[in-house]
Structures are given as C-alpha cells and as structure tokens.
Amino acid sequence: MNLIDREVTARQRLVENFQEEIEQLDRQIEVNQMLVNDLENDIIRLKREYSKLIRDSYQRKGDLNYLMFLFSSEDFSEGYLRYRLFKEYSRYRQKQGELLIQNQNRVSALLREIQQQKSEKEEVLRSIESEVHQLTLNKKRKSRLVQRLSTEQQWLQQSLKEKEQAAAQLESKIRELIAAQKSENINTAESGEFADQMGKLTWPVTNGLIVNAFGEHRHPVLKNVTIKNNGIDIRVTGSSEVYSVHNGTVSTVVAIPGLNKAVIIRHGKFLTVYGNLIDVFVSKGDIVSSGQKIGKIYKDNSEMKEILHFEIWEESNKLDPEQWLIR
C-alpha cells in the first residue's frame, strides 16, 4: 500500500509538471503569434513602399538614366553630388528589398517554431492522458487492496506484533553495542567523515523503492494503530545484494527473529544497520569499504518480494536514513 501511495504521489507530481509545461508552451505560442502578426504588418507596409519605389523608378527611368543624370550637371561638384545621390537612392532600394526578404524569412521561421511547439504540446497532452490513466488504475488497485486487507485484521495485527518484537530486539542489540562503545575510544576522524556524508551516502542496494518511511505513521488499514519504524524499508527492484554505504568496521552480525540476519557497521560514533538478510558475507571485526558487498536480502516466496530494513544511528539517536542517502 505504501508503494502504491508513493506511485500515486509521483504520478500526481508528474501530471502537475506536464500542466506547467503546457502553460509555458501556451504563453510562448501566444508571444510568437503576436510577433508573426507584427511582422506580417511590417511586410505589408514594406511591400507597399517597395512597390511605390518600383513604380516611381519606372515612371522616371528617362530622367534617371545614369549618363544623362551625370552629364547634365553644370560643373564637377554638381555631377559628383548627383552621382552620390544616384548611388544612395539605388542602395536604399536594394536595402528595402533585402529587408522585405529578411522579414519574410523571419515570419516563416516563427511559423515553423509555432508548429513545432504545437506538436510538443500535443505530445505532452498525450503523456498527461497516459499518466492520468495510470494514476486512476493505481488508485483502484489501492482501493481493492484496502478492502481485501480490511477483512484480514487479525492476521495484520499478529504480523504487526511480530514486526514490533523484531524491531525491539534489534534496537536492544544496538543499544548494547552503544553502551559497550562508551568505554572505548571512538574514532573522531571517522565520525567527522561520516557526518560530512549527509545526503551523499550511496544506497545499500542497486535499485529499490522506500515503502516504509522513518518514524511513526498511522497504519493504512488498522484504525487507531500507529506504526513505529526506527529506519526505512526498501523494496528491491533489481539485485538482492546489499552493500555498505560507507567505510567502517563490522560491529556484529546477529540473528533477529522476524528480521533474519542483521549486520551492524560502525563509522566512528555512527552506526548503520542492515536487516532482513539471508546470507552474510562479512564477520565481526571486518573492515569494509563503501560499496562493498556485505550480504543478500531474504526473499519472501509467498509474496515474491525482497525488502531491506536499513537504519542509521548517531550514538543513541535514531536518524532518518532517507535524509542521508543520495537522491
């Protein structure tokens, strides 16, 4: 159910992002259309002016004959001025024609851009329709799951009790290690190095989704029941192998009923905990490096899922692992 909730939330954010993209496209299309309208008006004006120039040149072609225009001058200075005037007039006509062509090209480019934006908008709309459809299906799945689980409250209560007992045993073992460590020297350099990794720690699995967050939460089915989680539960979507999130030393490997085997690794005053393992590849006292393989997750054959329980402690304080793992 938590997994479905996360999927629904993610798809809702995706739909909101698509809607923002469409609004941006609409604004851009509106701006471009205004530019096209302005350019079309400029082209009409330029065509009118250029047509007037052509007609005027034709009507005056006898007067504007180049040689006659020059030789009819009274002196050299007037001839030179007429020469300059003729050149400027010709250049002006040429520039008007070039400007007309440039504006026509700009209009064509803007029209192509608008067409491209419309195509992108249609594609985004199709994506939104697909996401909304998937969102509806997920909500229906959740509704059916709630109805089915509501008829199995006795089983849920027993399952929850077993998980709470397993969590309590694991917490007790962790506190024993913390108490024992107080009489020993804690490596301050390792503590500082780990503290600097907040939000940067590698994930303990290759691919996975957090299906049970840190802290206390209302039970999704059992009324007036609160779930307490000292860490996070990660449902694996790829390889079931587990890796150390940082350099450290294995403090212990312990069997916990309901959580199978758990590996606890010390990083100065910090501890990382990896629970629900079926195979363990390290032993107490081993020095491990970041990304080193330490075990394999237990697979629940009845539900065909593999879930890793992961915790981070700073001395006797429980931390939210989701804030420490790289996003």
Protein backbone atom coordinates (compact mmCIF):
# COMPACT_ATOMS: atom_id res chain seq x y z
CA MET A 1 0.00 0.00 0.00
CA ASN A 2 2.85 2.38 0.80
CA LEU A 3 4.37 1.57 -2.58
CA ILE A 4 1.09 2.39 -4.35
CA ASP A 5 0.81 5.63 -2.34
CA ARG A 6 4.29 6.65 -3.47
CA GLU A 7 3.47 5.79 -7.09
CA VAL A 8 0.28 7.84 -6.95
CA THR A 9 2.12 10.80 -5.42
CA ALA A 10 4.90 10.58 -8.02
CA ARG A 11 2.41 10.46 -10.92
CA GLN A 12 0.47 13.39 -9.48
CA ARG A 13 3.70 15.44 -9.41
CA LEU A 14 4.38 14.34 -12.99
CA VAL A 15 0.93 15.48 -14.11
CA GLU A 16 1.48 18.85 -12.39
CA ASN A 17 4.82 19.22 -14.20
CA PHE A 18 3.16 18.43 -17.54
CA GLN A 19 0.48 21.03 -16.86
CA GLU A 20 3.16 23.67 -16.12
CA GLU A 21 4.92 22.77 -19.39
CA ILE A 22 1.68 23.21 -21.32
CA GLU A 23 1.08 26.61 -19.73
CA GLN A 24 4.61 27.69 -20.70
CA LEU A 25 4.05 26.47 -24.27
CA ASP A 26 0.75 28.34 -24.47
CA ARG A 27 2.46 31.56 -23.34
CA GLN A 28 5.29 31.09 -25.84
CA ILE A 29 2.88 30.34 -28.68
CA GLU A 30 0.91 33.47 -27.82
CA VAL A 31 4.08 35.61 -27.86
CA ASN A 32 5.22 34.12 -31.17
CA GLN A 33 1.81 34.66 -32.74
CA MET A 34 1.95 38.33 -31.75
CA LEU A 35 5.41 38.60 -33.34
CA VAL A 36 4.12 36.96 -36.50
CA ASN A 37 1.22 39.43 -36.67
CA ASP A 38 3.60 42.39 -36.25
CA LEU A 39 5.96 41.05 -38.91
CA GLU A 40 3.12 40.45 -41.35
CA ASN A 41 2.03 44.07 -40.89
CA ASP A 42 5.63 45.19 -41.49
CA ILE A 43 5.79 43.10 -44.66
CA ILE A 44 2.57 44.64 -45.98
CA ARG A 45 3.97 48.12 -45.32
CA LEU A 46 7.35 47.26 -46.90
CA LYS A 47 5.68 45.77 -49.97
CA ARG A 48 3.63 48.91 -50.37
CA GLU A 49 6.71 51.13 -50.06
CA TYR A 50 8.78 48.95 -52.36
CA SER A 51 6.01 48.90 -54.98
CA LYS A 52 5.87 52.69 -54.83
CA LEU A 53 9.67 52.82 -55.36
CA ILE A 54 9.44 50.49 -58.38
CA ARG A 55 6.62 52.50 -59.96
CA ASP A 56 8.44 55.76 -59.30
CA SER A 57 11.66 54.41 -60.83
CA TYR A 58 9.81 53.20 -63.91
CA GLN A 59 8.00 56.47 -64.38
CA ARG A 60 11.25 58.39 -64.06
CA LYS A 61 13.52 55.99 -65.89
CA GLY A 62 14.23 58.58 -68.61
CA ASP A 63 15.19 61.20 -66.04
CA LEU A 64 17.25 58.75 -64.06
CA ASN A 65 19.35 57.49 -66.90
CA TYR A 66 22.73 57.21 -65.32
CA LEU A 67 24.78 59.05 -68.01
CA MET A 68 22.22 61.74 -68.64
CA PHE A 69 21.88 62.29 -64.94
CA LEU A 70 25.63 62.92 -64.67
CA PHE A 71 26.37 64.85 -67.87
CA SER A 72 23.54 67.30 -67.39
CA SER A 73 25.42 68.71 -64.39
CA GLU A 74 26.68 72.29 -64.70
CA ASP A 75 30.02 71.54 -63.03
CA PHE A 76 32.07 68.76 -61.49
CA SER A 77 30.78 69.35 -57.95
CA GLU A 78 27.16 69.08 -59.02
CA GLY A 79 27.99 65.97 -61.05
CA TYR A 80 29.61 64.37 -58.03
CA LEU A 81 26.62 65.20 -55.84
CA ARG A 82 24.27 63.70 -58.44
CA TYR A 83 26.47 60.60 -58.58
CA ARG A 84 26.26 60.25 -54.77
CA LEU A 85 22.51 60.80 -54.85
CA PHE A 86 22.02 58.15 -57.51
CA LYS A 87 24.11 55.64 -55.56
CA GLU A 88 22.28 56.32 -52.28
CA TYR A 89 18.91 56.01 -53.98
CA SER A 90 19.92 52.67 -55.56
CA ARG A 91 21.31 51.41 -52.27
CA TYR A 92 18.09 52.39 -50.47
CA ARG A 93 16.01 50.44 -52.98
CA GLN A 94 18.28 47.41 -52.55
CA LYS A 95 18.08 47.58 -48.74
CA GLN A 96 14.29 47.82 -48.85
CA GLY A 97 14.20 44.65 -50.94
CA GLU A 98 16.61 42.86 -48.62
CA LEU A 99 14.65 43.93 -45.56
CA LEU A 100 11.48 42.60 -47.13
CA ILE A 101 13.12 39.21 -47.76
CA GLN A 102 14.55 39.09 -44.20
CA ASN A 103 11.17 39.74 -42.63
CA GLN A 104 9.55 37.13 -44.82
CA ASN A 105 12.18 34.62 -43.66
CA ARG A 106 11.61 35.56 -40.01
CA VAL A 107 7.88 35.04 -40.41
CA SER A 108 8.48 31.64 -41.98
CA ALA A 109 10.85 30.64 -39.14
CA LEU A 110 8.39 31.77 -36.46
CA LEU A 111 5.58 29.90 -38.11
CA ARG A 112 7.72 26.73 -38.15
CA GLU A 113 8.57 27.29 -34.48
CA ILE A 114 4.89 27.66 -33.60
CA GLN A 115 4.11 24.44 -35.45
CA GLN A 116 6.89 22.66 -33.53
CA GLN A 117 5.55 24.00 -30.22
CA LYS A 118 2.06 22.82 -31.11
CA SER A 119 3.44 19.35 -31.84
CA GLU A 120 5.26 19.33 -28.50
CA LYS A 121 2.08 20.43 -26.77
CA GLU A 122 0.11 17.60 -28.35
CA GLU A 123 2.79 15.12 -27.28
CA VAL A 124 2.69 16.44 -23.69
CA LEU A 125 -1.09 16.19 -23.69
CA ARG A 126 -0.87 12.55 -24.77
CA SER A 127 1.63 11.90 -21.97
CA ILE A 128 -0.71 13.51 -19.44
CA GLU A 129 -3.60 11.37 -20.61
CA SER A 130 -1.43 8.26 -20.19
CA GLU A 131 -0.27 9.31 -16.71
CA VAL A 132 -3.80 10.16 -15.56
CA HIS A 133 -5.00 6.78 -16.81
CA GLN A 134 -2.21 5.01 -14.90
CA LEU A 135 -2.96 7.12 -11.83
CA THR A 136 -6.60 6.04 -11.94
CA LEU A 137 -5.58 2.39 -12.20
CA ASN A 138 -3.24 2.72 -9.21
CA LYS A 139 -5.97 4.33 -7.11
CA LYS A 140 -8.31 1.46 -7.97
CA ARG A 141 -5.57 -1.04 -7.01
CA LYS A 142 -5.16 0.70 -3.68
CA SER A 143 -8.92 0.69 -3.05
CA ARG A 144 -9.12 -3.06 -3.76
CA LEU A 145 -6.12 -3.72 -1.53
CA VAL A 146 -7.67 -1.78 1.37
CA GLN A 147 -10.91 -3.73 1.01
CA ARG A 148 -9.06 -7.06 0.98
CA LEU A 149 -6.83 -6.21 3.93
CA SER A 150 -9.77 -4.91 5.96
CA THR A 151 -11.11 -8.48 6.09
CA GLU A 152 -7.78 -9.75 7.45
CA GLN A 153 -7.38 -7.58 10.54
CA GLN A 154 -6.49 -10.48 12.83
CA TRP A 155 -3.63 -11.52 10.55
CA LEU A 156 -2.47 -7.92 10.22
CA GLN A 157 -2.44 -7.41 13.98
CA GLN A 158 -0.42 -10.58 14.50
CA SER A 159 2.01 -9.61 11.72
CA LEU A 160 2.42 -6.13 13.18
CA LYS A 161 3.09 -7.57 16.63
CA GLU A 162 5.83 -9.84 15.24
CA LYS A 163 7.47 -6.94 13.42
CA GLU A 164 7.39 -4.80 16.56
CA GLN A 165 9.05 -7.60 18.54
CA ALA A 166 11.77 -7.97 15.91
CA ALA A 167 12.35 -4.20 15.88
CA ALA A 168 12.56 -4.14 19.68
CA GLN A 169 15.17 -6.94 19.71
CA LEU A 170 17.25 -5.18 17.07
CA GLU A 171 17.05 -1.89 18.98
CA SER A 172 18.10 -3.66 22.19
CA LYS A 173 21.14 -5.14 20.45
CA ILE A 174 22.09 -1.73 19.02
CA ARG A 175 21.86 -0.09 22.43
CA GLU A 176 24.07 -2.81 23.91
CA LEU A 177 26.72 -2.00 21.31
CA ILE A 178 26.38 1.73 22.03
CA ALA A 179 26.78 1.13 25.77
CA ALA A 180 29.85 -1.08 25.20
CA GLN A 181 31.40 1.51 22.90
CA LYS A 182 31.20 4.23 25.56
CA SER A 183 34.01 2.54 27.47
CA GLU A 184 36.20 2.53 24.33
CA ASN A 185 37.80 5.29 22.28
CA ILE A 186 35.61 6.49 19.38
CA ASN A 187 37.46 7.47 16.22
CA THR A 188 36.60 11.16 15.84
CA ALA A 189 38.04 11.30 12.32
CA GLU A 190 35.69 8.53 11.16
CA SER A 191 32.78 10.32 12.88
CA GLY A 192 33.52 13.58 11.08
CA GLU A 193 33.99 11.84 7.74
CA PHE A 194 30.62 10.09 8.05
CA ALA A 195 28.87 13.28 9.26
CA ASP A 196 30.03 15.05 6.08
CA GLN A 197 28.18 12.43 4.00
CA MET A 198 24.67 13.59 4.89
CA GLY A 199 22.68 13.49 1.64
CA LYS A 200 25.63 11.86 -0.16
CA LEU A 201 25.68 8.24 1.09
CA THR A 202 25.46 5.55 -1.55
CA TRP A 203 22.35 3.36 -1.40
CA PRO A 204 22.67 -0.06 0.25
CA VAL A 205 21.01 -1.68 -2.80
CA THR A 206 21.42 -1.24 -6.55
CA ASN A 207 17.75 -0.42 -7.22
CA GLY A 208 14.97 -0.01 -4.73
CA LEU A 209 11.95 1.96 -3.52
CA ILE A 210 11.30 3.12 0.04
CA VAL A 211 8.00 1.53 1.00
CA ASN A 212 8.03 2.32 4.73
CA ALA A 213 9.44 5.63 5.89
CA PHE A 214 11.20 6.57 9.13
CA GLY A 215 9.28 7.46 12.29
CA GLU A 216 5.69 6.95 13.41
CA HIS A 217 2.84 6.59 10.92
CA ARG A 218 -0.83 5.77 11.04
CA HIS A 219 -1.48 2.19 9.95
CA PRO A 220 -3.07 2.24 6.46
CA VAL A 221 -5.73 -0.34 7.37
CA LEU A 222 -5.95 -0.86 11.14
CA LYS A 223 -7.80 2.04 12.73
CA ASN A 224 -6.22 3.83 15.71
CA VAL A 225 -2.99 1.85 15.20
CA THR A 226 0.37 3.56 14.79
CA ILE A 227 3.43 2.01 13.15
CA LYS A 228 6.86 2.90 14.52
CA ASN A 229 9.89 2.47 12.28
CA ASN A 230 13.44 3.06 13.52
CA GLY A 231 14.72 3.16 9.95
CA ILE A 232 13.35 2.69 6.44
CA ASP A 233 12.23 -0.37 4.49
CA ILE A 234 13.47 -0.60 0.91
CA ARG A 235 11.76 -2.89 -1.58
CA VAL A 236 14.37 -4.11 -4.01
CA THR A 237 13.55 -3.84 -7.72
CA GLY A 238 16.80 -5.35 -9.01
CA SER A 239 19.64 -7.34 -7.49
CA SER A 240 19.07 -8.57 -3.91
CA GLU A 241 22.70 -7.94 -2.90
CA VAL A 242 23.37 -5.41 -0.10
CA TYR A 243 26.34 -3.03 0.08
CA SER A 244 27.94 -0.97 2.83
CA VAL A 245 27.00 2.70 2.46
CA HIS A 246 30.35 3.93 3.81
CA ASN A 247 33.75 2.83 5.10
CA GLY A 248 33.59 1.26 8.54
CA THR A 249 34.09 -1.75 10.81
CA VAL A 250 31.60 -4.59 11.31
CA SER A 251 30.47 -4.40 14.96
CA THR A 252 28.38 -7.54 14.89
CA VAL A 253 26.30 -9.95 12.85
CA VAL A 254 23.19 -11.02 14.72
CA ALA A 255 20.13 -13.20 14.06
CA ILE A 256 16.82 -11.50 14.84
CA PRO A 257 13.56 -13.50 14.62
CA GLY A 258 11.38 -11.72 12.05
CA LEU A 259 14.36 -9.88 10.55
CA ASN A 260 16.51 -12.92 9.76
CA LYS A 261 20.14 -11.72 9.98
CA ALA A 262 21.32 -8.18 10.61
CA VAL A 263 24.74 -6.59 10.04
CA ILE A 264 25.76 -3.58 12.13
CA ILE A 265 28.67 -1.46 10.89
CA ARG A 266 30.36 1.25 12.95
CA HIS A 267 31.58 4.54 11.45
CA GLY A 268 33.05 6.37 14.45
CA LYS A 269 30.11 7.40 16.62
CA PHE A 270 27.66 6.43 13.83
CA LEU A 271 26.13 3.00 13.17
CA THR A 272 24.47 1.68 10.00
CA VAL A 273 22.16 -1.33 10.31
CA TYR A 274 21.21 -3.76 7.52
CA GLY A 275 18.37 -6.12 8.44
CA ASN A 276 16.42 -8.99 6.82
CA LEU A 277 19.49 -10.65 5.26
CA ILE A 278 19.55 -14.35 4.40
CA ASP A 279 23.26 -14.53 3.51
CA VAL A 280 26.05 -12.52 5.14
CA PHE A 281 29.49 -12.12 3.54
CA VAL A 282 31.28 -10.32 6.44
CA SER A 283 32.13 -11.11 10.06
CA LYS A 284 32.56 -9.16 13.29
CA GLY A 285 35.74 -7.04 13.19
CA ASP A 286 35.97 -6.90 9.38
CA ILE A 287 36.94 -3.55 7.90
CA VAL A 288 34.63 -2.73 4.99
CA SER A 289 34.73 -0.03 2.34
CA SER A 290 31.95 2.00 0.76
CA GLY A 291 30.09 -0.10 -1.83
CA GLN A 292 31.47 -3.41 -0.53
CA LYS A 293 29.06 -6.34 -0.76
CA ILE A 294 28.05 -7.45 2.75
CA GLY A 295 25.07 -9.76 2.23
CA LYS A 296 21.94 -10.80 0.39
CA ILE A 297 18.32 -9.96 1.21
CA TYR A 298 15.86 -12.64 2.32
CA LYS A 299 13.20 -13.35 -0.30
CA ASP A 300 9.61 -13.83 0.83
CA ASN A 301 8.47 -16.61 -1.51
CA SER A 302 4.80 -16.20 -0.55
CA GLU A 303 4.74 -12.56 -1.69
CA MET A 304 7.75 -12.75 -4.07
CA LYS A 305 9.35 -9.63 -2.65
CA GLU A 306 12.68 -8.68 -1.09
CA ILE A 307 12.77 -5.90 1.49
CA LEU A 308 15.83 -4.49 3.24
CA HIS A 309 15.46 -2.86 6.65
CA PHE A 310 18.02 -0.06 6.97
CA GLU A 311 18.81 2.16 9.97
CA ILE A 312 21.32 4.90 10.88
CA TRP A 313 22.20 5.80 14.47
CA GLU A 314 24.32 8.59 15.93
CA GLU A 315 25.23 7.21 19.34
CA SER A 316 21.80 6.65 20.96
CA ASN A 317 19.89 8.87 18.48
CA LYS A 318 17.96 7.34 15.58
CA LEU A 319 18.33 9.24 12.31
CA ASP A 320 16.16 9.32 9.20
CA PRO A 321 18.17 7.35 6.60
CA GLU A 322 16.27 8.96 3.72
CA GLN A 323 17.92 12.29 4.56
CA TRP A 324 21.38 10.70 4.40
CA LEU A 325 21.12 8.70 1.16
CA ILE A 326 22.00 10.40 -2.10
CA ARG A 327 18.94 11.45 -4.12
